[in-house]
Amino acid sequence: MRTFDLNLLPVLVATILIAVTVALIHGQPDRGRLAAVAATVFAPLYLGLPLGGLVNVRWLDGREAALLLVVTIVASDTSQYYAGRLFGRRLLAPAISPKKTIEGAIGGVIFGTAFLTIVGALVLPFSGYGPLIALGVLVVLLGICGDLFESRLKRTAGMKDSSALIPGHGGVLDRIDALLFAVAPFYLYIRNIT
């Protein structure tokens, strides 16, 4: 196993300082300027850190580990959809995401955790079932939080979709929103276990 560990803190700090400076110089006055600064700083952190973590998972334990995380999120999202359609009665967060149900979330947790546990035992043979179950629950729950967070961002911005690049799917962010929140615990697990 190769490790790829760069100390990126100085680069991150420099990037944030440059972004804040540019936003303050070219932003709108007063409240608009503050919003521009917040958006300029937020985007690289929201997208860059998790995607960098996913790259590090690949470097630490191979592409199979990175693919395990991605497919776990897909399995959870798909299970949430079908469990919600079949059994959904109570809304999870009606003001943020009017179609998500508690029953769908439970289905996603069950199937996503089962997938990560079963396939994780093959991909990460150094792990026991107990830690994989705990990791699966944490990854899936944070994935659900990531999905709700991105839905909240869209509602706050008054948008239905984050882009039109993938018609009918809410945009690219809707495809990776759960992954962005789920990367952190998975990365920390891989980093501390390998």
C-alpha atoms as a PDB file:
ATOM      1  CA  MET A   1       0.000   0.000   0.000  1.00  0.00           C
ATOM      2  CA  ARG A   2       1.339   3.390  -0.974  1.00  0.00           C
ATOM      3  CA  THR A   3       0.527   6.435   1.027  1.00  0.00           C
ATOM      4  CA  PHE A   4       0.096   9.865  -0.405  1.00  0.00           C
ATOM      5  CA  ASP A   5       0.301  12.338   2.430  1.00  0.00           C
ATOM      6  CA  LEU A   6       0.963  15.984   1.620  1.00  0.00           C
ATOM      7  CA  ASN A   7       0.770  18.741   4.171  1.00  0.00           C
ATOM      8  CA  LEU A   8      -1.808  20.881   2.406  1.00  0.00           C
ATOM      9  CA  LEU A   9      -2.694  23.178   5.285  1.00  0.00           C
ATOM     10  CA  PRO A  10      -0.508  26.100   4.068  1.00  0.00           C
ATOM     11  CA  VAL A  11      -1.940  25.737   0.551  1.00  0.00           C
ATOM     12  CA  LEU A  12      -5.480  25.665   1.930  1.00  0.00           C
ATOM     13  CA  VAL A  13      -4.927  28.748   4.091  1.00  0.00           C
ATOM     14  CA  ALA A  14      -3.319  30.633   1.201  1.00  0.00           C
ATOM     15  CA  THR A  15      -6.211  29.702  -1.116  1.00  0.00           C
ATOM     16  CA  ILE A  16      -8.783  30.913   1.404  1.00  0.00           C
ATOM     17  CA  LEU A  17      -6.928  34.193   1.943  1.00  0.00           C
ATOM     18  CA  ILE A  18      -6.659  34.816  -1.796  1.00  0.00           C
ATOM     19  CA  ALA A  19     -10.353  33.994  -2.298  1.00  0.00           C
ATOM     20  CA  VAL A  20     -11.417  36.312   0.516  1.00  0.00           C
ATOM     21  CA  THR A  21      -9.233  39.128  -0.841  1.00  0.00           C
ATOM     22  CA  VAL A  22     -10.571  38.745  -4.386  1.00  0.00           C
ATOM     23  CA  ALA A  23     -14.169  38.608  -3.144  1.00  0.00           C
ATOM     24  CA  LEU A  24     -13.713  41.715  -1.001  1.00  0.00           C
ATOM     25  CA  ILE A  25     -12.133  43.675  -3.837  1.00  0.00           C
ATOM     26  CA  HIS A  26     -14.623  42.663  -6.521  1.00  0.00           C
ATOM     27  CA  GLY A  27     -17.737  41.900  -4.421  1.00  0.00           C
ATOM     28  CA  GLN A  28     -20.874  43.926  -4.061  1.00  0.00           C
ATOM     29  CA  PRO A  29     -21.134  46.425  -1.222  1.00  0.00           C
ATOM     30  CA  ASP A  30     -22.083  45.572   2.365  1.00  0.00           C
ATOM     31  CA  ARG A  31     -24.240  42.464   2.796  1.00  0.00           C
ATOM     32  CA  GLY A  32     -23.705  41.370  -0.801  1.00  0.00           C
ATOM     33  CA  ARG A  33     -19.961  41.503  -0.300  1.00  0.00           C
ATOM     34  CA  LEU A  34     -20.173  39.313   2.800  1.00  0.00           C
ATOM     35  CA  ALA A  35     -22.299  36.773   0.904  1.00  0.00           C
ATOM     36  CA  ALA A  36     -19.791  36.788  -1.955  1.00  0.00           C
ATOM     37  CA  VAL A  37     -16.915  36.167   0.458  1.00  0.00           C
ATOM     38  CA  ALA A  38     -18.799  33.356   2.166  1.00  0.00           C
ATOM     39  CA  ALA A  39     -19.641  31.706  -1.164  1.00  0.00           C
ATOM     40  CA  THR A  40     -16.090  32.098  -2.446  1.00  0.00           C
ATOM     41  CA  VAL A  41     -14.615  30.487   0.657  1.00  0.00           C
ATOM     42  CA  PHE A  42     -17.314  27.861   1.071  1.00  0.00           C
ATOM     43  CA  ALA A  43     -17.216  26.267  -2.393  1.00  0.00           C
ATOM     44  CA  PRO A  44     -13.583  25.055  -2.302  1.00  0.00           C
ATOM     45  CA  LEU A  45     -14.046  23.725   1.225  1.00  0.00           C
ATOM     46  CA  TYR A  46     -17.395  22.043   0.518  1.00  0.00           C
ATOM     47  CA  LEU A  47     -16.190  20.340  -2.656  1.00  0.00           C
ATOM     48  CA  GLY A  48     -12.402  20.302  -2.449  1.00  0.00           C
ATOM     49  CA  LEU A  49     -11.758  18.780   0.952  1.00  0.00           C
ATOM     50  CA  PRO A  50     -14.066  15.763   0.531  1.00  0.00           C
ATOM     51  CA  LEU A  51     -12.924  15.045  -3.016  1.00  0.00           C
ATOM     52  CA  GLY A  52      -9.319  15.321  -1.840  1.00  0.00           C
ATOM     53  CA  GLY A  53     -10.182  12.856   0.918  1.00  0.00           C
ATOM     54  CA  LEU A  54     -11.571  10.438  -1.679  1.00  0.00           C
ATOM     55  CA  VAL A  55      -8.337  10.697  -3.663  1.00  0.00           C
ATOM     56  CA  ASN A  56      -6.402   9.956  -0.481  1.00  0.00           C
ATOM     57  CA  VAL A  57      -8.581   6.881   0.177  1.00  0.00           C
ATOM     58  CA  ARG A  58      -7.545   5.647  -3.262  1.00  0.00           C
ATOM     59  CA  TRP A  59      -3.863   6.280  -2.488  1.00  0.00           C
ATOM     60  CA  LEU A  60      -4.015   4.715   0.958  1.00  0.00           C
ATOM     61  CA  ASP A  61      -5.869   1.519   0.140  1.00  0.00           C
ATOM     62  CA  GLY A  62      -6.428   1.334  -3.601  1.00  0.00           C
ATOM     63  CA  ARG A  63      -9.238   2.007  -5.997  1.00  0.00           C
ATOM     64  CA  GLU A  64     -11.327  -0.827  -4.554  1.00  0.00           C
ATOM     65  CA  ALA A  65     -11.648   1.049  -1.245  1.00  0.00           C
ATOM     66  CA  ALA A  66     -12.643   4.278  -3.019  1.00  0.00           C
ATOM     67  CA  LEU A  67     -15.126   2.360  -5.152  1.00  0.00           C
ATOM     68  CA  LEU A  68     -16.537   0.677  -2.021  1.00  0.00           C
ATOM     69  CA  LEU A  69     -17.413   4.085  -0.600  1.00  0.00           C
ATOM     70  CA  VAL A  70     -18.955   5.367  -3.833  1.00  0.00           C
ATOM     71  CA  VAL A  71     -21.048   2.228  -4.400  1.00  0.00           C
ATOM     72  CA  THR A  72     -22.154   2.195  -0.749  1.00  0.00           C
ATOM     73  CA  ILE A  73     -23.561   5.706  -1.226  1.00  0.00           C
ATOM     74  CA  VAL A  74     -25.256   4.660  -4.478  1.00  0.00           C
ATOM     75  CA  ALA A  75     -26.744   1.568  -2.770  1.00  0.00           C
ATOM     76  CA  SER A  76     -27.981   3.709   0.114  1.00  0.00           C
ATOM     77  CA  ASP A  77     -29.476   6.393  -2.162  1.00  0.00           C
ATOM     78  CA  THR A  78     -31.210   3.763  -4.306  1.00  0.00           C
ATOM     79  CA  SER A  79     -32.527   1.930  -1.243  1.00  0.00           C
ATOM     80  CA  GLN A  80     -33.802   5.201   0.217  1.00  0.00           C
ATOM     81  CA  TYR A  81     -35.705   5.900  -2.976  1.00  0.00           C
ATOM     82  CA  TYR A  82     -37.355   2.475  -3.261  1.00  0.00           C
ATOM     83  CA  ALA A  83     -38.017   2.037   0.471  1.00  0.00           C
ATOM     84  CA  GLY A  84     -39.533   5.523   0.515  1.00  0.00           C
ATOM     85  CA  ARG A  85     -41.744   4.737  -2.468  1.00  0.00           C
ATOM     86  CA  LEU A  86     -42.902   1.423  -0.996  1.00  0.00           C
ATOM     87  CA  PHE A  87     -43.218   2.226   2.701  1.00  0.00           C
ATOM     88  CA  GLY A  88     -42.855   5.995   3.032  1.00  0.00           C
ATOM     89  CA  ARG A  89     -45.486   7.642   5.176  1.00  0.00           C
ATOM     90  CA  ARG A  90     -43.709  10.198   7.371  1.00  0.00           C
ATOM     91  CA  LEU A  91     -41.632  12.980   5.868  1.00  0.00           C
ATOM     92  CA  LEU A  92     -38.043  13.273   7.071  1.00  0.00           C
ATOM     93  CA  ALA A  93     -37.528  17.006   6.456  1.00  0.00           C
ATOM     94  CA  PRO A  94     -40.548  18.435   4.610  1.00  0.00           C
ATOM     95  CA  ALA A  95     -39.297  22.026   4.430  1.00  0.00           C
ATOM     96  CA  ILE A  96     -35.951  20.972   2.950  1.00  0.00           C
ATOM     97  CA  SER A  97     -36.691  17.868   0.897  1.00  0.00           C
ATOM     98  CA  PRO A  98     -40.433  17.230   0.507  1.00  0.00           C
ATOM     99  CA  LYS A  99     -40.069  13.712  -0.944  1.00  0.00           C
ATOM    100  CA  LYS A 100     -37.665  12.177   1.600  1.00  0.00           C
ATOM    101  CA  THR A 101     -39.290   9.932   4.157  1.00  0.00           C
ATOM    102  CA  ILE A 102     -38.181   8.454   7.455  1.00  0.00           C
ATOM    103  CA  GLU A 103     -38.961   4.974   6.130  1.00  0.00           C
ATOM    104  CA  GLY A 104     -36.794   5.625   3.086  1.00  0.00           C
ATOM    105  CA  ALA A 105     -33.930   6.779   5.302  1.00  0.00           C
ATOM    106  CA  ILE A 106     -34.249   3.620   7.428  1.00  0.00           C
ATOM    107  CA  GLY A 107     -34.166   1.483   4.279  1.00  0.00           C
ATOM    108  CA  GLY A 108     -31.069   3.340   3.092  1.00  0.00           C
ATOM    109  CA  VAL A 109     -29.322   2.822   6.429  1.00  0.00           C
ATOM    110  CA  ILE A 110     -30.126  -0.901   6.459  1.00  0.00           C
ATOM    111  CA  PHE A 111     -29.120  -1.670   2.873  1.00  0.00           C
ATOM    112  CA  GLY A 112     -26.189   0.760   2.702  1.00  0.00           C
ATOM    113  CA  THR A 113     -24.741  -0.598   5.954  1.00  0.00           C
ATOM    114  CA  ALA A 114     -25.288  -4.192   4.835  1.00  0.00           C
ATOM    115  CA  PHE A 115     -23.522  -3.473   1.545  1.00  0.00           C
ATOM    116  CA  LEU A 116     -20.535  -1.783   3.186  1.00  0.00           C
ATOM    117  CA  THR A 117     -20.266  -4.588   5.752  1.00  0.00           C
ATOM    118  CA  ILE A 118     -20.450  -7.503   3.304  1.00  0.00           C
ATOM    119  CA  VAL A 119     -18.340  -6.048   0.504  1.00  0.00           C
ATOM    120  CA  GLY A 120     -16.093  -4.228   2.985  1.00  0.00           C
ATOM    121  CA  ALA A 121     -15.114  -7.590   4.500  1.00  0.00           C
ATOM    122  CA  LEU A 122     -13.688  -8.520   1.081  1.00  0.00           C
ATOM    123  CA  VAL A 123     -12.145  -5.156   0.195  1.00  0.00           C
ATOM    124  CA  LEU A 124     -10.854  -4.371   3.687  1.00  0.00           C
ATOM    125  CA  PRO A 125      -9.975  -7.856   5.028  1.00  0.00           C
ATOM    126  CA  PHE A 126      -8.127  -6.369   8.018  1.00  0.00           C
ATOM    127  CA  SER A 127     -11.460  -5.106   9.420  1.00  0.00           C
ATOM    128  CA  GLY A 128     -13.872  -7.022  11.574  1.00  0.00           C
ATOM    129  CA  TYR A 129     -17.618  -7.011  11.061  1.00  0.00           C
ATOM    130  CA  GLY A 130     -18.278  -4.828  14.116  1.00  0.00           C
ATOM    131  CA  PRO A 131     -16.155  -1.883  12.927  1.00  0.00           C
ATOM    132  CA  LEU A 132     -17.540  -2.240   9.394  1.00  0.00           C
ATOM    133  CA  ILE A 133     -21.135  -2.120  10.663  1.00  0.00           C
ATOM    134  CA  ALA A 134     -20.359   1.004  12.715  1.00  0.00           C
ATOM    135  CA  LEU A 135     -18.582   2.565   9.731  1.00  0.00           C
ATOM    136  CA  GLY A 136     -21.512   1.689   7.451  1.00  0.00           C
ATOM    137  CA  VAL A 137     -24.065   3.308   9.739  1.00  0.00           C
ATOM    138  CA  LEU A 138     -21.914   6.440  10.103  1.00  0.00           C
ATOM    139  CA  VAL A 139     -21.199   6.724   6.371  1.00  0.00           C
ATOM    140  CA  VAL A 140     -24.854   6.288   5.404  1.00  0.00           C
ATOM    141  CA  LEU A 141     -26.209   8.671   8.064  1.00  0.00           C
ATOM    142  CA  LEU A 142     -23.702  11.343   7.064  1.00  0.00           C
ATOM    143  CA  GLY A 143     -24.622  10.709   3.432  1.00  0.00           C
ATOM    144  CA  ILE A 144     -28.265  11.434   4.274  1.00  0.00           C
ATOM    145  CA  CYS A 145     -27.145  14.612   6.067  1.00  0.00           C
ATOM    146  CA  GLY A 146     -25.130  15.614   2.990  1.00  0.00           C
ATOM    147  CA  ASP A 147     -28.158  15.109   0.783  1.00  0.00           C
ATOM    148  CA  LEU A 148     -30.334  17.242   3.062  1.00  0.00           C
ATOM    149  CA  PHE A 149     -27.616  19.900   3.317  1.00  0.00           C
ATOM    150  CA  GLU A 150     -27.401  20.252  -0.464  1.00  0.00           C
ATOM    151  CA  SER A 151     -31.204  20.366  -0.706  1.00  0.00           C
ATOM    152  CA  ARG A 152     -31.156  23.178   1.862  1.00  0.00           C
ATOM    153  CA  LEU A 153     -28.567  25.074  -0.181  1.00  0.00           C
ATOM    154  CA  LYS A 154     -30.793  24.824  -3.255  1.00  0.00           C
ATOM    155  CA  ARG A 155     -33.910  25.921  -1.344  1.00  0.00           C
ATOM    156  CA  THR A 156     -32.029  28.875   0.151  1.00  0.00           C
ATOM    157  CA  ALA A 157     -30.837  29.890  -3.317  1.00  0.00           C
ATOM    158  CA  GLY A 158     -34.365  29.473  -4.719  1.00  0.00           C
ATOM    159  CA  MET A 159     -33.288  26.762  -7.171  1.00  0.00           C
ATOM    160  CA  LYS A 160     -34.878  23.421  -7.952  1.00  0.00           C
ATOM    161  CA  ASP A 161     -31.732  21.931  -9.521  1.00  0.00           C
ATOM    162  CA  SER A 162     -28.077  22.763  -8.895  1.00  0.00           C
ATOM    163  CA  SER A 163     -27.382  22.593 -12.645  1.00  0.00           C
ATOM    164  CA  ALA A 164     -28.877  21.356 -15.920  1.00  0.00           C
ATOM    165  CA  LEU A 165     -25.863  19.174 -16.795  1.00  0.00           C
ATOM    166  CA  ILE A 166     -27.685  15.969 -15.791  1.00  0.00           C
ATOM    167  CA  PRO A 167     -31.353  16.537 -16.716  1.00  0.00           C
ATOM    168  CA  GLY A 168     -33.874  15.046 -14.296  1.00  0.00           C
ATOM    169  CA  HIS A 169     -31.282  14.411 -11.583  1.00  0.00           C
ATOM    170  CA  GLY A 170     -31.010  17.839  -9.968  1.00  0.00           C
ATOM    171  CA  GLY A 171     -27.516  18.506 -11.276  1.00  0.00           C
ATOM    172  CA  VAL A 172     -24.049  17.233 -10.507  1.00  0.00           C
ATOM    173  CA  LEU A 173     -24.203  18.187  -6.824  1.00  0.00           C
ATOM    174  CA  ASP A 174     -27.273  15.982  -6.393  1.00  0.00           C
ATOM    175  CA  ARG A 175     -25.200  13.039  -7.580  1.00  0.00           C
ATOM    176  CA  ILE A 176     -22.342  13.634  -5.135  1.00  0.00           C
ATOM    177  CA  ASP A 177     -23.947  15.474  -2.189  1.00  0.00           C
ATOM    178  CA  ALA A 178     -24.132  12.388   0.034  1.00  0.00           C
ATOM    179  CA  LEU A 179     -20.600  11.386  -0.921  1.00  0.00           C
ATOM    180  CA  LEU A 180     -19.218  14.773   0.126  1.00  0.00           C
ATOM    181  CA  PHE A 181     -20.307  14.219   3.739  1.00  0.00           C
ATOM    182  CA  ALA A 182     -19.552  10.484   3.810  1.00  0.00           C
ATOM    183  CA  VAL A 183     -15.911  10.726   2.737  1.00  0.00           C
ATOM    184  CA  ALA A 184     -14.582  12.047   6.063  1.00  0.00           C
ATOM    185  CA  PRO A 185     -15.362   9.063   8.338  1.00  0.00           C
ATOM    186  CA  PHE A 186     -14.387   6.582   5.638  1.00  0.00           C
ATOM    187  CA  TYR A 187     -11.083   8.357   5.023  1.00  0.00           C
ATOM    188  CA  LEU A 188     -10.312   8.529   8.738  1.00  0.00           C
ATOM    189  CA  TYR A 189     -11.128   4.831   9.119  1.00  0.00           C
ATOM    190  CA  ILE A 190      -8.881   3.832   6.211  1.00  0.00           C
ATOM    191  CA  ARG A 191      -6.090   6.116   7.376  1.00  0.00           C
ATOM    192  CA  ASN A 192      -6.116   4.771  10.936  1.00  0.00           C
ATOM    193  CA  ILE A 193      -6.633   1.113  10.050  1.00  0.00           C
ATOM    194  CA  THR A 194      -4.030   0.672   7.273  1.00  0.00           C
END
